[in-house]
Amino acid sequence: MAKVSNSSSLTLSQDSTCEVIAEKSSHPPHKPTNIFATKEWQEYDYYKDLVEDEELAEVKPVGKEGLC
């Protein structure tokens, strides 16, 4: 199987006796959903996460960075 532009093709010799029995089915395009458009995410308290979660908290300067 070889990739030719945006389609897949199978290269066969001229003396091949293969028959095409099925074609590639095309699925309808997937419409992406925006999870941040929901009311739950619009009212989410991001600042609370910054205060309570140590991994998301502000980084404290270490070494020479703290001297300036």
C-alpha atoms as a PDB file:
ATOM      1  CA  MET A   1       0.000   0.000   0.000  1.00  0.00           C
ATOM      2  CA  ALA A   2       1.382   3.387  -0.940  1.00  0.00           C
ATOM      3  CA  LYS A   3       0.331   6.843   0.213  1.00  0.00           C
ATOM      4  CA  VAL A   4      -0.556   9.078  -2.736  1.00  0.00           C
ATOM      5  CA  SER A   5      -1.565  12.635  -1.746  1.00  0.00           C
ATOM      6  CA  ASN A   6      -4.614  12.335   0.544  1.00  0.00           C
ATOM      7  CA  SER A   7      -5.685   8.875  -0.567  1.00  0.00           C
ATOM      8  CA  SER A   8      -4.415   5.360  -0.099  1.00  0.00           C
ATOM      9  CA  SER A   9      -3.649   3.267  -3.150  1.00  0.00           C
ATOM     10  CA  LEU A  10      -2.417  -0.247  -3.700  1.00  0.00           C
ATOM     11  CA  THR A  11       0.127  -0.744  -6.478  1.00  0.00           C
ATOM     12  CA  LEU A  12      -0.197  -4.079  -8.316  1.00  0.00           C
ATOM     13  CA  SER A  13       1.547  -5.588 -11.295  1.00  0.00           C
ATOM     14  CA  GLN A  14      -0.295  -5.618 -14.638  1.00  0.00           C
ATOM     15  CA  ASP A  15      -0.764  -9.383 -14.580  1.00  0.00           C
ATOM     16  CA  SER A  16      -2.499  -9.307 -11.219  1.00  0.00           C
ATOM     17  CA  THR A  17      -5.871 -11.065 -10.955  1.00  0.00           C
ATOM     18  CA  CYS A  18      -7.113  -9.223  -7.881  1.00  0.00           C
ATOM     19  CA  GLU A  19     -10.588  -7.722  -7.807  1.00  0.00           C
ATOM     20  CA  VAL A  20     -11.753  -4.784  -5.765  1.00  0.00           C
ATOM     21  CA  ILE A  21     -14.544  -6.073  -3.541  1.00  0.00           C
ATOM     22  CA  ALA A  22     -14.982  -3.170  -1.134  1.00  0.00           C
ATOM     23  CA  GLU A  23     -14.244   0.518  -1.102  1.00  0.00           C
ATOM     24  CA  LYS A  24     -13.072   2.569   1.802  1.00  0.00           C
ATOM     25  CA  SER A  25     -16.086   3.973   3.619  1.00  0.00           C
ATOM     26  CA  SER A  26     -16.133   7.651   4.383  1.00  0.00           C
ATOM     27  CA  HIS A  27     -17.401   8.781   7.741  1.00  0.00           C
ATOM     28  CA  PRO A  28     -19.172  12.110   8.204  1.00  0.00           C
ATOM     29  CA  PRO A  29     -16.803  14.813   9.462  1.00  0.00           C
ATOM     30  CA  HIS A  30     -16.479  15.061  13.237  1.00  0.00           C
ATOM     31  CA  LYS A  31     -17.638  18.374  14.653  1.00  0.00           C
ATOM     32  CA  PRO A  32     -15.384  19.300  17.596  1.00  0.00           C
ATOM     33  CA  THR A  33     -17.074  20.339  20.825  1.00  0.00           C
ATOM     34  CA  ASN A  34     -15.822  23.135  23.046  1.00  0.00           C
ATOM     35  CA  ILE A  35     -15.930  21.859  26.643  1.00  0.00           C
ATOM     36  CA  PHE A  36     -15.200  25.351  27.957  1.00  0.00           C
ATOM     37  CA  ALA A  37     -18.488  26.644  26.523  1.00  0.00           C
ATOM     38  CA  THR A  38     -20.456  24.799  29.214  1.00  0.00           C
ATOM     39  CA  LYS A  39     -21.801  26.675  32.223  1.00  0.00           C
ATOM     40  CA  GLU A  40     -19.791  24.459  34.593  1.00  0.00           C
ATOM     41  CA  TRP A  41     -16.462  25.546  33.053  1.00  0.00           C
ATOM     42  CA  GLN A  42     -17.501  29.193  32.707  1.00  0.00           C
ATOM     43  CA  GLU A  43     -18.210  29.355  36.454  1.00  0.00           C
ATOM     44  CA  TYR A  44     -15.142  27.281  37.468  1.00  0.00           C
ATOM     45  CA  ASP A  45     -12.940  28.864  40.153  1.00  0.00           C
ATOM     46  CA  TYR A  46      -9.456  28.680  38.653  1.00  0.00           C
ATOM     47  CA  TYR A  47      -7.956  30.883  41.359  1.00  0.00           C
ATOM     48  CA  LYS A  48      -9.018  28.360  44.022  1.00  0.00           C
ATOM     49  CA  ASP A  49      -6.967  25.699  42.218  1.00  0.00           C
ATOM     50  CA  LEU A  50      -3.918  27.981  42.161  1.00  0.00           C
ATOM     51  CA  VAL A  51      -4.181  28.533  45.915  1.00  0.00           C
ATOM     52  CA  GLU A  52      -4.944  24.940  46.978  1.00  0.00           C
ATOM     53  CA  ASP A  53      -2.888  22.842  44.532  1.00  0.00           C
ATOM     54  CA  GLU A  54       0.876  22.994  45.193  1.00  0.00           C
ATOM     55  CA  GLU A  55       1.722  21.854  41.644  1.00  0.00           C
ATOM     56  CA  LEU A  56      -0.191  24.816  40.189  1.00  0.00           C
ATOM     57  CA  ALA A  57       0.972  27.340  42.796  1.00  0.00           C
ATOM     58  CA  GLU A  58       3.343  30.212  42.058  1.00  0.00           C
ATOM     59  CA  VAL A  59       6.988  29.197  41.751  1.00  0.00           C
ATOM     60  CA  LYS A  60       9.223  30.608  44.502  1.00  0.00           C
ATOM     61  CA  PRO A  61      12.619  31.915  43.313  1.00  0.00           C
ATOM     62  CA  VAL A  62      15.614  29.801  44.302  1.00  0.00           C
ATOM     63  CA  GLY A  63      19.263  30.900  44.425  1.00  0.00           C
ATOM     64  CA  LYS A  64      20.387  34.018  42.534  1.00  0.00           C
ATOM     65  CA  GLU A  65      16.874  34.740  41.177  1.00  0.00           C
ATOM     66  CA  GLY A  66      15.739  35.719  44.692  1.00  0.00           C
ATOM     67  CA  LEU A  67      18.514  38.273  45.182  1.00  0.00           C
ATOM     68  CA  CYS A  68      17.410  40.748  42.511  1.00  0.00           C
END
